[in-house]
């Protein structure tokens, strides 16, 4: 990992990410969370360093799974004593501990080394959309203005981006129309010039015939 903190100073900052688990597939979401906790999205990533960010997951109760996993998936735990094996189905786990479903999925996708528990300590999971880290959040994923209460600054940025995109699209349309009109005008001019050349040639031929 580079030790020179210059243009990459922002990469060393641990940002806070907000993920809405509502109707999101468990495996794909957990894979993205694991890469964020490891810091693979940063240019300073190194497998031996802990350079990941914080992740806050909301609406853990409404996470989705594919196929028949909701009926067939089981979670097993052994106490270490004879006959100490315990199994819990996915449905019961979703009702009692929905945060453990996401935590175990993310834990299984992290490297099995000493940094594993450090990275998991930066993962905060909540069953509802309420969490105490609203002031820390810098990045939002899969959100809509109606579902989440975003800060005023974020709403203004989103509105400004949409306005700028509308302006750019209008400018592009006007440019295309003007270019099409110029092409048509050029074609008309070329047609007129060709017609005038033909008329001049006909006049010359007639004058030559009269002289003869």
N, C-alpha and C. Protein backbone atom coordinates (compact mmCIF):
# COMPACT_ATOMS: atom_id res chain seq x y z
N UNK A 1 0.84 -1.19 0.00
CA UNK A 1 0.00 0.00 0.00
C UNK A 1 0.87 1.24 0.00
N UNK A 2 0.49 2.21 -0.79
CA UNK A 2 1.27 3.44 -0.87
C UNK A 2 1.20 4.21 0.43
N UNK A 3 2.35 4.71 0.89
CA UNK A 3 2.42 5.46 2.14
C UNK A 3 2.33 6.96 1.90
N UNK A 4 2.40 7.40 0.65
CA UNK A 4 2.36 8.83 0.33
C UNK A 4 0.91 9.29 0.29
N UNK A 5 0.53 10.11 1.25
CA UNK A 5 -0.85 10.62 1.31
C UNK A 5 -0.87 11.95 0.59
N UNK A 6 -1.24 11.93 -0.67
CA UNK A 6 -1.31 13.15 -1.47
C UNK A 6 -2.68 13.27 -2.10
N UNK A 7 -2.76 12.93 -3.39
CA UNK A 7 -4.04 12.97 -4.08
C UNK A 7 -4.99 11.89 -3.60
N UNK A 8 -4.47 10.85 -2.94
CA UNK A 8 -5.31 9.75 -2.46
C UNK A 8 -5.70 9.92 -1.00
N UNK A 9 -5.69 11.15 -0.50
CA UNK A 9 -6.00 11.37 0.91
C UNK A 9 -7.43 10.96 1.24
N UNK A 10 -8.37 11.22 0.32
CA UNK A 10 -9.76 10.87 0.58
C UNK A 10 -9.97 9.36 0.64
N UNK A 11 -9.09 8.60 0.00
CA UNK A 11 -9.23 7.15 0.02
C UNK A 11 -8.96 6.58 1.40
N UNK A 12 -8.21 7.30 2.24
CA UNK A 12 -7.90 6.82 3.58
C UNK A 12 -9.04 7.08 4.56
N UNK A 13 -10.00 7.90 4.17
CA UNK A 13 -11.13 8.21 5.05
C UNK A 13 -12.12 7.05 5.03
N UNK A 14 -12.64 6.70 6.19
CA UNK A 14 -13.65 5.64 6.27
C UNK A 14 -15.03 6.27 6.10
N UNK A 15 -15.60 6.10 4.93
CA UNK A 15 -16.93 6.66 4.65
C UNK A 15 -18.02 5.73 5.18
N UNK A 16 -19.22 6.30 5.32
CA UNK A 16 -20.38 5.55 5.79
C UNK A 16 -21.33 5.34 4.62
N UNK A 17 -21.70 4.08 4.38
CA UNK A 17 -22.60 3.72 3.28
C UNK A 17 -23.93 3.23 3.85
N UNK A 18 -25.01 3.63 3.22
CA UNK A 18 -26.35 3.19 3.62
C UNK A 18 -26.91 2.27 2.54
N UNK A 19 -27.33 1.07 2.94
CA UNK A 19 -27.88 0.08 2.02
C UNK A 19 -29.29 -0.26 2.47
N UNK A 20 -30.24 -0.17 1.54
CA UNK A 20 -31.63 -0.53 1.82
C UNK A 20 -31.84 -1.97 1.36
N UNK A 21 -32.10 -2.88 2.32
CA UNK A 21 -32.25 -4.31 2.01
C UNK A 21 -33.65 -4.68 1.56
N UNK A 22 -34.51 -3.72 1.34
CA UNK A 22 -35.90 -4.00 0.98
C UNK A 22 -35.96 -4.64 -0.41
N UNK A 23 -36.45 -5.90 -0.45
CA UNK A 23 -36.63 -6.66 -1.69
C UNK A 23 -35.33 -6.78 -2.49
N UNK A 24 -34.22 -6.86 -1.79
CA UNK A 24 -32.93 -7.09 -2.45
C UNK A 24 -32.49 -8.52 -2.20
N UNK A 25 -31.84 -9.12 -3.19
CA UNK A 25 -31.41 -10.51 -3.08
C UNK A 25 -30.26 -10.59 -2.08
N UNK A 26 -30.36 -11.56 -1.18
CA UNK A 26 -29.43 -11.65 -0.06
C UNK A 26 -27.99 -11.85 -0.52
N UNK A 27 -27.76 -12.77 -1.44
CA UNK A 27 -26.39 -13.09 -1.84
C UNK A 27 -25.69 -11.94 -2.54
N UNK A 28 -26.36 -11.33 -3.50
CA UNK A 28 -25.73 -10.23 -4.26
C UNK A 28 -25.47 -9.03 -3.37
N UNK A 29 -26.43 -8.72 -2.51
CA UNK A 29 -26.24 -7.59 -1.61
C UNK A 29 -25.09 -7.85 -0.64
N UNK A 30 -25.00 -9.07 -0.12
CA UNK A 30 -23.93 -9.40 0.82
C UNK A 30 -22.56 -9.33 0.16
N UNK A 31 -22.49 -9.72 -1.12
CA UNK A 31 -21.21 -9.64 -1.83
C UNK A 31 -20.75 -8.19 -1.97
N UNK A 32 -21.68 -7.28 -2.28
CA UNK A 32 -21.32 -5.86 -2.40
C UNK A 32 -20.92 -5.28 -1.04
N UNK A 33 -21.61 -5.70 0.01
CA UNK A 33 -21.27 -5.21 1.35
C UNK A 33 -19.88 -5.70 1.74
N UNK A 34 -19.56 -6.95 1.42
CA UNK A 34 -18.25 -7.51 1.78
C UNK A 34 -17.12 -6.76 1.08
N UNK A 35 -17.30 -6.43 -0.20
CA UNK A 35 -16.26 -5.68 -0.91
C UNK A 35 -16.08 -4.28 -0.32
N UNK A 36 -17.17 -3.67 0.15
CA UNK A 36 -17.07 -2.35 0.77
C UNK A 36 -16.37 -2.42 2.12
N UNK A 37 -16.66 -3.47 2.90
CA UNK A 37 -16.00 -3.63 4.20
C UNK A 37 -14.51 -3.91 4.04
N UNK A 38 -14.14 -4.62 2.98
CA UNK A 38 -12.73 -4.91 2.74
C UNK A 38 -11.98 -3.72 2.16
N UNK A 39 -12.70 -2.82 1.49
CA UNK A 39 -12.06 -1.66 0.86
C UNK A 39 -11.57 -1.94 -0.55
N UNK A 40 -12.17 -2.93 -1.22
CA UNK A 40 -11.73 -3.26 -2.58
C UNK A 40 -12.10 -2.18 -3.60
N UNK A 41 -13.00 -1.29 -3.24
CA UNK A 41 -13.40 -0.22 -4.14
C UNK A 41 -12.45 0.98 -4.07
N UNK A 42 -11.39 0.88 -3.27
CA UNK A 42 -10.45 1.99 -3.10
C UNK A 42 -9.14 1.71 -3.83
N UNK A 43 -8.45 2.75 -4.28
CA UNK A 43 -7.16 2.53 -4.97
C UNK A 43 -6.04 2.11 -4.03
N UNK A 44 -6.24 2.24 -2.72
CA UNK A 44 -5.19 1.89 -1.75
C UNK A 44 -5.40 0.50 -1.18
N UNK A 45 -6.27 -0.30 -1.78
CA UNK A 45 -6.60 -1.62 -1.21
C UNK A 45 -5.38 -2.52 -1.16
N UNK A 46 -5.25 -3.20 -0.04
CA UNK A 46 -4.21 -4.21 0.13
C UNK A 46 -4.79 -5.33 0.99
N UNK A 47 -4.60 -6.60 0.63
CA UNK A 47 -5.22 -7.69 1.39
C UNK A 47 -4.81 -7.74 2.85
N UNK A 48 -3.62 -7.23 3.17
CA UNK A 48 -3.12 -7.31 4.55
C UNK A 48 -3.48 -6.10 5.39
N UNK A 49 -4.18 -5.10 4.80
CA UNK A 49 -4.52 -3.88 5.54
C UNK A 49 -6.03 -3.77 5.67
N UNK A 50 -6.46 -3.15 6.75
CA UNK A 50 -7.88 -2.94 7.01
C UNK A 50 -8.24 -1.52 6.59
N UNK A 51 -8.65 -1.34 5.34
CA UNK A 51 -8.92 -0.01 4.80
C UNK A 51 -10.36 0.14 4.33
N UNK A 52 -11.26 -0.70 4.84
CA UNK A 52 -12.65 -0.66 4.40
C UNK A 52 -13.44 0.46 5.05
N UNK A 53 -14.72 0.57 4.66
CA UNK A 53 -15.61 1.61 5.14
C UNK A 53 -16.66 1.01 6.08
N UNK A 54 -17.51 1.90 6.59
CA UNK A 54 -18.64 1.50 7.42
C UNK A 54 -19.86 1.27 6.53
N UNK A 55 -20.69 0.31 6.90
CA UNK A 55 -21.90 0.00 6.15
C UNK A 55 -23.07 -0.11 7.12
N UNK A 56 -24.15 0.61 6.81
CA UNK A 56 -25.38 0.56 7.61
C UNK A 56 -26.47 -0.04 6.72
N UNK A 57 -27.08 -1.12 7.18
CA UNK A 57 -28.13 -1.81 6.43
C UNK A 57 -29.45 -1.61 7.16
N UNK A 58 -30.48 -1.19 6.42
CA UNK A 58 -31.81 -1.00 6.99
C UNK A 58 -32.80 -1.92 6.29
N UNK A 59 -33.97 -2.08 6.93
CA UNK A 59 -35.04 -2.94 6.41
C UNK A 59 -34.56 -4.38 6.21
N UNK A 60 -33.88 -4.91 7.21
CA UNK A 60 -33.37 -6.28 7.12
C UNK A 60 -34.51 -7.30 7.12
N UNK A 61 -35.67 -6.93 7.65
CA UNK A 61 -36.80 -7.87 7.68
C UNK A 61 -37.34 -8.18 6.29
N UNK A 62 -37.12 -7.28 5.33
CA UNK A 62 -37.71 -7.41 4.01
C UNK A 62 -36.70 -7.88 2.96
N UNK A 63 -35.62 -8.52 3.40
CA UNK A 63 -34.64 -9.05 2.45
C UNK A 63 -35.25 -10.23 1.70
N UNK A 64 -34.82 -10.44 0.46
CA UNK A 64 -35.39 -11.48 -0.40
C UNK A 64 -34.34 -12.54 -0.72
N UNK A 65 -34.83 -13.76 -0.98
CA UNK A 65 -33.98 -14.87 -1.41
C UNK A 65 -34.61 -15.50 -2.65
N UNK A 66 -33.80 -16.17 -3.45
CA UNK A 66 -34.27 -16.75 -4.70
C UNK A 66 -34.60 -18.23 -4.50
N UNK A 67 -35.38 -18.76 -5.44
CA UNK A 67 -35.71 -20.18 -5.43
C UNK A 67 -36.53 -20.58 -4.21
N UNK A 68 -36.21 -21.77 -3.66
CA UNK A 68 -36.92 -22.31 -2.50
C UNK A 68 -36.12 -22.16 -1.21
N UNK A 69 -35.21 -21.18 -1.20
CA UNK A 69 -34.37 -21.01 0.00
C UNK A 69 -35.19 -20.60 1.22
N UNK A 70 -36.27 -19.85 1.00
CA UNK A 70 -37.09 -19.43 2.14
C UNK A 70 -37.71 -20.62 2.86
N UNK A 71 -37.90 -21.74 2.17
CA UNK A 71 -38.50 -22.93 2.78
C UNK A 71 -37.46 -23.98 3.17
N UNK A 72 -36.36 -24.06 2.43
CA UNK A 72 -35.40 -25.14 2.63
C UNK A 72 -34.14 -24.74 3.39
N UNK A 73 -33.82 -23.46 3.42
CA UNK A 73 -32.55 -23.04 4.03
C UNK A 73 -32.60 -23.23 5.55
N UNK A 74 -31.50 -23.77 6.11
CA UNK A 74 -31.38 -24.01 7.54
C UNK A 74 -30.09 -23.40 8.07
N UNK A 75 -30.15 -22.92 9.30
CA UNK A 75 -28.97 -22.40 9.99
C UNK A 75 -28.64 -23.34 11.15
N UNK A 76 -27.40 -23.82 11.18
CA UNK A 76 -26.99 -24.80 12.19
C UNK A 76 -25.98 -24.18 13.15
N UNK A 77 -26.09 -24.62 14.40
CA UNK A 77 -25.16 -24.17 15.45
C UNK A 77 -24.92 -25.33 16.41
N UNK A 78 -23.66 -25.55 16.76
CA UNK A 78 -23.30 -26.64 17.68
C UNK A 78 -22.64 -26.06 18.92
N UNK A 79 -23.08 -26.54 20.07
CA UNK A 79 -22.56 -26.05 21.34
C UNK A 79 -21.20 -26.65 21.69
N UNK A 80 -20.82 -27.74 21.03
CA UNK A 80 -19.56 -28.41 21.33
C UNK A 80 -19.73 -29.63 22.22
N UNK A 81 -20.91 -29.81 22.78
CA UNK A 81 -21.19 -30.97 23.61
C UNK A 81 -21.97 -32.02 22.80
N UNK A 82 -21.94 -33.28 23.22
CA UNK A 82 -22.70 -34.31 22.50
C UNK A 82 -24.20 -33.98 22.46
N UNK A 83 -24.76 -34.06 21.28
CA UNK A 83 -26.17 -33.74 21.10
C UNK A 83 -26.47 -32.26 21.14
N UNK A 84 -25.46 -31.43 20.93
CA UNK A 84 -25.65 -29.98 21.03
C UNK A 84 -25.92 -29.30 19.70
N UNK A 85 -26.29 -30.06 18.66
CA UNK A 85 -26.58 -29.47 17.36
C UNK A 85 -27.97 -28.85 17.35
N UNK A 86 -28.04 -27.60 16.94
CA UNK A 86 -29.32 -26.89 16.86
C UNK A 86 -29.51 -26.36 15.44
N UNK A 87 -30.70 -26.51 14.92
CA UNK A 87 -31.03 -26.04 13.57
C UNK A 87 -32.21 -25.08 13.65
N UNK A 88 -32.11 -24.00 12.88
CA UNK A 88 -33.17 -22.99 12.81
C UNK A 88 -33.49 -22.76 11.34
N UNK A 89 -34.75 -22.74 10.99
CA UNK A 89 -35.16 -22.51 9.60
C UNK A 89 -35.03 -21.03 9.25
N UNK A 90 -35.06 -20.75 7.96
CA UNK A 90 -34.91 -19.37 7.49
C UNK A 90 -36.08 -18.50 7.94
N UNK A 91 -37.29 -19.04 7.92
CA UNK A 91 -38.46 -18.25 8.29
C UNK A 91 -38.41 -17.83 9.75
N UNK A 92 -38.04 -18.76 10.64
CA UNK A 92 -37.96 -18.42 12.06
C UNK A 92 -36.83 -17.42 12.31
N UNK A 93 -35.73 -17.61 11.60
CA UNK A 93 -34.60 -16.69 11.74
C UNK A 93 -34.99 -15.29 11.27
N UNK A 94 -35.78 -15.21 10.21
CA UNK A 94 -36.20 -13.91 9.69
C UNK A 94 -37.13 -13.20 10.67
N UNK A 95 -37.92 -13.95 11.41
CA UNK A 95 -38.83 -13.34 12.38
C UNK A 95 -38.10 -12.91 13.65
N UNK A 96 -37.17 -13.75 14.13
CA UNK A 96 -36.52 -13.48 15.41
C UNK A 96 -35.28 -12.60 15.26
N UNK A 97 -34.38 -12.98 14.35
CA UNK A 97 -33.11 -12.27 14.20
C UNK A 97 -32.83 -12.01 12.71
N UNK A 98 -33.49 -11.04 12.11
CA UNK A 98 -33.23 -10.78 10.68
C UNK A 98 -31.84 -10.21 10.42
N UNK A 99 -31.26 -9.56 11.44
CA UNK A 99 -29.92 -9.01 11.24
C UNK A 99 -28.86 -10.11 11.15
N UNK A 100 -29.09 -11.25 11.82
CA UNK A 100 -28.12 -12.34 11.78
C UNK A 100 -28.07 -12.99 10.40
N UNK A 101 -29.17 -12.94 9.66
CA UNK A 101 -29.17 -13.53 8.31
C UNK A 101 -28.16 -12.80 7.43
N UNK A 102 -28.22 -11.47 7.44
CA UNK A 102 -27.30 -10.68 6.61
C UNK A 102 -25.88 -10.77 7.15
N UNK A 103 -25.74 -10.76 8.48
CA UNK A 103 -24.40 -10.81 9.07
C UNK A 103 -23.69 -12.12 8.73
N UNK A 104 -24.41 -13.24 8.79
CA UNK A 104 -23.79 -14.53 8.46
C UNK A 104 -23.46 -14.63 6.98
N UNK A 105 -24.32 -14.07 6.13
CA UNK A 105 -24.04 -14.09 4.69
C UNK A 105 -22.80 -13.28 4.36
N UNK A 106 -22.67 -12.10 4.98
CA UNK A 106 -21.49 -11.26 4.74
C UNK A 106 -20.24 -11.91 5.33
N UNK A 107 -20.38 -12.51 6.51
CA UNK A 107 -19.24 -13.16 7.15
C UNK A 107 -18.70 -14.31 6.31
N UNK A 108 -19.59 -15.04 5.64
CA UNK A 108 -19.13 -16.13 4.78
C UNK A 108 -18.42 -15.67 3.54
N UNK A 109 -18.60 -14.39 3.15
CA UNK A 109 -17.95 -13.86 1.95
C UNK A 109 -16.67 -13.08 2.25
N UNK A 110 -16.33 -12.92 3.52
CA UNK A 110 -15.09 -12.24 3.89
C UNK A 110 -13.96 -13.26 4.03
N UNK A 111 -12.72 -12.85 3.81
CA UNK A 111 -11.58 -13.77 4.00
C UNK A 111 -11.49 -14.24 5.45
N UNK A 112 -11.13 -15.50 5.63
CA UNK A 112 -11.04 -16.09 6.97
C UNK A 112 -9.67 -15.79 7.57
N UNK A 113 -9.50 -14.59 8.08
CA UNK A 113 -8.24 -14.19 8.71
C UNK A 113 -8.53 -13.30 9.91
N UNK A 114 -7.50 -12.67 10.45
CA UNK A 114 -7.67 -11.87 11.66
C UNK A 114 -8.46 -10.58 11.42
N UNK A 115 -8.52 -10.15 10.19
CA UNK A 115 -9.24 -8.91 9.88
C UNK A 115 -10.74 -9.13 9.73
N UNK A 116 -11.16 -10.37 9.77
CA UNK A 116 -12.57 -10.67 9.54
C UNK A 116 -13.48 -10.01 10.57
N UNK A 117 -13.15 -10.11 11.85
CA UNK A 117 -14.01 -9.58 12.90
C UNK A 117 -13.92 -8.06 12.98
N UNK A 118 -12.77 -7.50 12.62
CA UNK A 118 -12.67 -6.04 12.55
C UNK A 118 -13.63 -5.49 11.50
N UNK A 119 -13.67 -6.15 10.37
CA UNK A 119 -14.54 -5.70 9.29
C UNK A 119 -16.01 -5.87 9.65
N UNK A 120 -16.33 -6.97 10.32
CA UNK A 120 -17.73 -7.19 10.72
C UNK A 120 -18.17 -6.19 11.78
N UNK A 121 -17.25 -5.67 12.57
CA UNK A 121 -17.61 -4.67 13.58
C UNK A 121 -18.03 -3.35 12.95
N UNK A 122 -17.68 -3.13 11.69
CA UNK A 122 -18.10 -1.91 10.98
C UNK A 122 -19.41 -2.09 10.23
N UNK A 123 -20.06 -3.22 10.41
CA UNK A 123 -21.35 -3.50 9.77
C UNK A 123 -22.46 -3.34 10.80
N UNK A 124 -23.40 -2.44 10.52
CA UNK A 124 -24.52 -2.18 11.42
C UNK A 124 -25.82 -2.51 10.68
N UNK A 125 -26.61 -3.41 11.25
CA UNK A 125 -27.82 -3.91 10.59
C UNK A 125 -29.02 -3.60 11.48
N UNK A 126 -30.09 -3.07 10.86
CA UNK A 126 -31.30 -2.71 11.59
C UNK A 126 -32.51 -3.32 10.87
N UNK A 127 -33.47 -3.86 11.63
CA UNK A 127 -34.64 -4.49 10.99
C UNK A 127 -35.57 -3.50 10.30
N UNK A 128 -35.62 -2.26 10.80
CA UNK A 128 -36.49 -1.24 10.22
C UNK A 128 -35.65 -0.18 9.51
N UNK A 129 -36.33 0.92 9.13
CA UNK A 129 -35.63 2.00 8.45
C UNK A 129 -35.11 3.06 9.41
N UNK A 130 -35.14 2.79 10.71
CA UNK A 130 -34.66 3.75 11.71
C UNK A 130 -33.26 3.33 12.17
N UNK A 131 -32.36 4.30 12.19
CA UNK A 131 -31.00 4.05 12.65
C UNK A 131 -30.41 5.35 13.18
N UNK A 132 -29.44 5.28 14.10
CA UNK A 132 -28.89 6.50 14.72
C UNK A 132 -27.69 7.09 13.99
N UNK A 133 -27.45 6.68 12.74
CA UNK A 133 -26.25 7.14 12.03
C UNK A 133 -26.58 8.01 10.82
N UNK A 134 -27.66 8.76 10.90
CA UNK A 134 -28.08 9.57 9.76
C UNK A 134 -27.07 10.67 9.43
N UNK A 135 -26.44 11.23 10.45
CA UNK A 135 -25.49 12.32 10.22
C UNK A 135 -24.17 11.83 9.62
N UNK A 136 -23.88 10.55 9.78
CA UNK A 136 -22.60 10.02 9.29
C UNK A 136 -22.66 9.54 7.85
N UNK A 137 -23.86 9.30 7.33
CA UNK A 137 -24.00 8.70 6.01
C UNK A 137 -23.50 9.66 4.94
N UNK A 138 -22.66 9.14 4.04
CA UNK A 138 -22.16 9.92 2.91
C UNK A 138 -22.65 9.38 1.57
N UNK A 139 -22.92 8.06 1.48
CA UNK A 139 -23.34 7.45 0.23
C UNK A 139 -24.59 6.63 0.45
N UNK A 140 -25.51 6.75 -0.52
CA UNK A 140 -26.78 6.04 -0.45
C UNK A 140 -26.87 5.07 -1.62
N UNK A 141 -27.40 3.88 -1.36
CA UNK A 141 -27.58 2.88 -2.40
C UNK A 141 -29.03 2.43 -2.45
N UNK A 142 -29.59 2.38 -3.67
CA UNK A 142 -30.94 1.88 -3.89
C UNK A 142 -31.96 2.62 -3.03
N UNK A 143 -31.95 3.92 -3.12
CA UNK A 143 -32.89 4.70 -2.33
C UNK A 143 -33.82 5.47 -3.26
N UNK A 144 -34.94 5.87 -2.72
CA UNK A 144 -35.85 6.80 -3.40
C UNK A 144 -36.22 7.89 -2.41
N UNK A 145 -36.58 9.03 -2.92
CA UNK A 145 -36.87 10.16 -2.04
C UNK A 145 -38.12 9.90 -1.20
N UNK A 146 -39.02 9.05 -1.68
CA UNK A 146 -40.25 8.79 -0.93
C UNK A 146 -40.02 7.82 0.23
N UNK A 147 -39.09 6.87 0.08
CA UNK A 147 -38.90 5.84 1.10
C UNK A 147 -38.01 6.32 2.24
N UNK A 148 -36.94 7.03 1.92
CA UNK A 148 -35.97 7.42 2.94
C UNK A 148 -36.01 8.93 3.16
N UNK A 149 -35.81 9.34 4.39
CA UNK A 149 -35.74 10.76 4.71
C UNK A 149 -34.30 11.22 4.53
N UNK A 150 -34.01 11.77 3.35
CA UNK A 150 -32.66 12.19 3.04
C UNK A 150 -32.41 13.62 3.53
N UNK A 151 -31.16 13.97 3.78
CA UNK A 151 -30.86 15.36 4.15
C UNK A 151 -31.20 16.32 3.02
N UNK A 152 -31.37 17.59 3.37
CA UNK A 152 -31.74 18.59 2.37
C UNK A 152 -30.65 18.76 1.32
N UNK A 153 -29.38 18.64 1.73
CA UNK A 153 -28.28 18.81 0.78
C UNK A 153 -28.34 17.72 -0.29
N UNK A 154 -28.61 16.49 0.12
CA UNK A 154 -28.67 15.39 -0.84
C UNK A 154 -29.83 15.57 -1.80
N UNK A 155 -30.99 16.01 -1.28
CA UNK A 155 -32.15 16.23 -2.14
C UNK A 155 -31.86 17.33 -3.17
N UNK A 156 -31.19 18.40 -2.73
CA UNK A 156 -30.86 19.48 -3.66
C UNK A 156 -29.91 19.00 -4.75
N UNK A 157 -28.92 18.19 -4.36
CA UNK A 157 -27.98 17.67 -5.34
C UNK A 157 -28.69 16.81 -6.38
N UNK A 158 -29.62 15.96 -5.92
CA UNK A 158 -30.35 15.09 -6.84
C UNK A 158 -31.21 15.92 -7.79
N UNK A 159 -31.89 16.94 -7.25
CA UNK A 159 -32.72 17.79 -8.09
C UNK A 159 -31.88 18.56 -9.10
N UNK A 160 -30.72 19.07 -8.67
CA UNK A 160 -29.85 19.80 -9.58
C UNK A 160 -29.34 18.89 -10.70
N UNK A 161 -28.99 17.65 -10.35
CA UNK A 161 -28.53 16.71 -11.37
C UNK A 161 -29.61 16.44 -12.40
N UNK A 162 -30.85 16.24 -11.93
CA UNK A 162 -31.95 15.98 -12.86
C UNK A 162 -32.19 17.18 -13.77
N UNK A 163 -32.11 18.40 -13.21
CA UNK A 163 -32.29 19.60 -14.03
C UNK A 163 -31.19 19.72 -15.08
N UNK A 164 -29.96 19.47 -14.67
CA UNK A 164 -28.84 19.56 -15.62
C UNK A 164 -28.98 18.53 -16.73
N UNK A 165 -29.44 17.33 -16.38
CA UNK A 165 -29.64 16.31 -17.40
C UNK A 165 -30.72 16.72 -18.39
N UNK A 166 -31.81 17.33 -17.88
CA UNK A 166 -32.87 17.80 -18.77
C UNK A 166 -32.35 18.88 -19.71
N UNK A 167 -31.55 19.82 -19.17
CA UNK A 167 -31.00 20.88 -20.01
C UNK A 167 -30.09 20.31 -21.09
N UNK A 168 -29.25 19.34 -20.70
CA UNK A 168 -28.34 18.74 -21.68
C UNK A 168 -29.11 18.03 -22.78
N UNK A 169 -30.17 17.31 -22.39
CA UNK A 169 -30.96 16.59 -23.40
C UNK A 169 -31.63 17.58 -24.36
N UNK A 170 -32.14 18.71 -23.82
CA UNK A 170 -32.76 19.71 -24.69
C UNK A 170 -31.73 20.32 -25.65
N UNK A 171 -30.53 20.61 -25.14
CA UNK A 171 -29.48 21.16 -26.00
C UNK A 171 -29.10 20.19 -27.10
N UNK A 172 -28.98 18.91 -26.75
CA UNK A 172 -28.62 17.91 -27.76
C UNK A 172 -29.70 17.81 -28.83
N UNK A 173 -30.98 17.87 -28.41
CA UNK A 173 -32.07 17.82 -29.38
C UNK A 173 -32.02 19.01 -30.32
N UNK A 174 -31.80 20.21 -29.75
CA UNK A 174 -31.75 21.42 -30.59
C UNK A 174 -30.57 21.35 -31.57
N UNK A 175 -29.42 20.82 -31.09
CA UNK A 175 -28.27 20.68 -31.98
C UNK A 175 -28.57 19.72 -33.13
N UNK A 176 -29.23 18.61 -32.80
CA UNK A 176 -29.56 17.64 -33.85
C UNK A 176 -30.51 18.25 -34.87
N UNK A 177 -31.49 19.01 -34.39
CA UNK A 177 -32.45 19.63 -35.31
C UNK A 177 -31.75 20.65 -36.20
N UNK A 178 -30.88 21.48 -35.61
CA UNK A 178 -30.17 22.49 -36.40
C UNK A 178 -29.25 21.84 -37.42
N UNK A 179 -28.57 20.76 -37.01
CA UNK A 179 -27.69 20.07 -37.96
C UNK A 179 -28.48 19.46 -39.10
N UNK A 180 -29.67 18.91 -38.78
CA UNK A 180 -30.51 18.34 -39.84
C UNK A 180 -30.98 19.43 -40.79
N UNK A 181 -31.34 20.60 -40.24
CA UNK A 181 -31.76 21.71 -41.11
C UNK A 181 -30.62 22.17 -41.99
N UNK A 182 -29.41 22.25 -41.44
CA UNK A 182 -28.26 22.67 -42.24
C UNK A 182 -27.99 21.68 -43.37
N UNK A 183 -28.14 20.39 -43.05
CA UNK A 183 -27.93 19.37 -44.08
C UNK A 183 -28.95 19.52 -45.20
N UNK A 184 -30.22 19.76 -44.80
CA UNK A 184 -31.27 19.94 -45.81
C UNK A 184 -31.00 21.17 -46.66
N UNK A 185 -30.58 22.26 -46.01
CA UNK A 185 -30.27 23.48 -46.76
C UNK A 185 -29.12 23.25 -47.73
N UNK A 186 -28.11 22.52 -47.26
CA UNK A 186 -26.98 22.22 -48.14
C UNK A 186 -27.39 21.38 -49.33
N UNK A 187 -28.28 20.40 -49.07
CA UNK A 187 -28.77 19.57 -50.18
C UNK A 187 -29.56 20.41 -51.18
N UNK A 188 -30.41 21.32 -50.67
CA UNK A 188 -31.20 22.17 -51.56
C UNK A 188 -30.30 23.06 -52.41
N UNK A 189 -29.25 23.62 -51.76
CA UNK A 189 -28.32 24.46 -52.51
C UNK A 189 -27.62 23.68 -53.61
N UNK A 190 -27.19 22.47 -53.28
CA UNK A 190 -26.49 21.66 -54.28
C UNK A 190 -27.42 21.31 -55.44
N UNK A 191 -28.70 21.03 -55.11
CA UNK A 191 -29.67 20.72 -56.17
C UNK A 191 -29.90 21.93 -57.06
N UNK A 192 -30.04 23.12 -56.43
CA UNK A 192 -30.25 24.34 -57.21
C UNK A 192 -29.05 24.63 -58.10
N UNK A 193 -27.84 24.45 -57.55
CA UNK A 193 -26.65 24.70 -58.35
C UNK A 193 -26.56 23.75 -59.54
N UNK A 194 -26.91 22.48 -59.30
CA UNK A 194 -26.87 21.51 -60.41
C UNK A 194 -27.89 21.88 -61.48
N UNK A 195 -29.08 22.34 -61.03
CA UNK A 195 -30.11 22.74 -62.00
C UNK A 195 -29.65 23.95 -62.81
N UNK A 196 -29.04 24.93 -62.13
CA UNK A 196 -28.56 26.13 -62.84
C UNK A 196 -27.46 25.77 -63.82
N UNK A 197 -26.59 24.84 -63.46
CA UNK A 197 -25.54 24.40 -64.39
C UNK A 197 -26.14 23.74 -65.62
N UNK A 198 -27.17 22.91 -65.42
CA UNK A 198 -27.83 22.26 -66.56
C UNK A 198 -28.48 23.29 -67.48
N UNK A 199 -29.10 24.31 -66.88
CA UNK A 199 -29.75 25.35 -67.69
C UNK A 199 -28.71 26.11 -68.50
N UNK A 200 -27.58 26.44 -67.89
CA UNK A 200 -26.52 27.15 -68.61
C UNK A 200 -25.99 26.32 -69.77
N UNK A 201 -25.81 25.02 -69.54
CA UNK A 201 -25.33 24.15 -70.61
C UNK A 201 -26.31 24.11 -71.78
N UNK A 202 -27.61 24.03 -71.45
CA UNK A 202 -28.62 24.01 -72.51
C UNK A 202 -28.59 25.30 -73.33
N UNK A 203 -28.43 26.45 -72.66
CA UNK A 203 -28.37 27.72 -73.38
C UNK A 203 -27.16 27.78 -74.30
N UNK A 204 -26.01 27.29 -73.82
CA UNK A 204 -24.81 27.28 -74.65
C UNK A 204 -25.01 26.41 -75.88
N UNK A 205 -25.60 25.24 -75.69
CA UNK A 205 -25.83 24.34 -76.83
C UNK A 205 -26.76 24.98 -77.86
N UNK A 206 -27.81 25.66 -77.37
CA UNK A 206 -28.73 26.32 -78.29
C UNK A 206 -28.04 27.43 -79.07
N UNK A 207 -27.19 28.21 -78.39
CA UNK A 207 -26.49 29.30 -79.08
C UNK A 207 -25.54 28.75 -80.13
N UNK A 208 -24.90 27.64 -79.85
CA UNK A 208 -23.99 27.02 -80.82
C UNK A 208 -24.77 26.54 -82.04
N UNK A 209 -25.94 25.94 -81.82
CA UNK A 209 -26.76 25.46 -82.94
C UNK A 209 -27.21 26.62 -83.83
N UNK A 210 -27.58 27.75 -83.20
CA UNK A 210 -28.05 28.91 -83.98
C UNK A 210 -26.91 29.46 -84.84
N UNK A 211 -25.71 29.54 -84.30
CA UNK A 211 -24.57 30.04 -85.06
C UNK A 211 -24.28 29.15 -86.26
N UNK A 212 -24.41 27.85 -86.05
CA UNK A 212 -24.15 26.93 -87.16
C UNK A 212 -25.20 27.11 -88.25
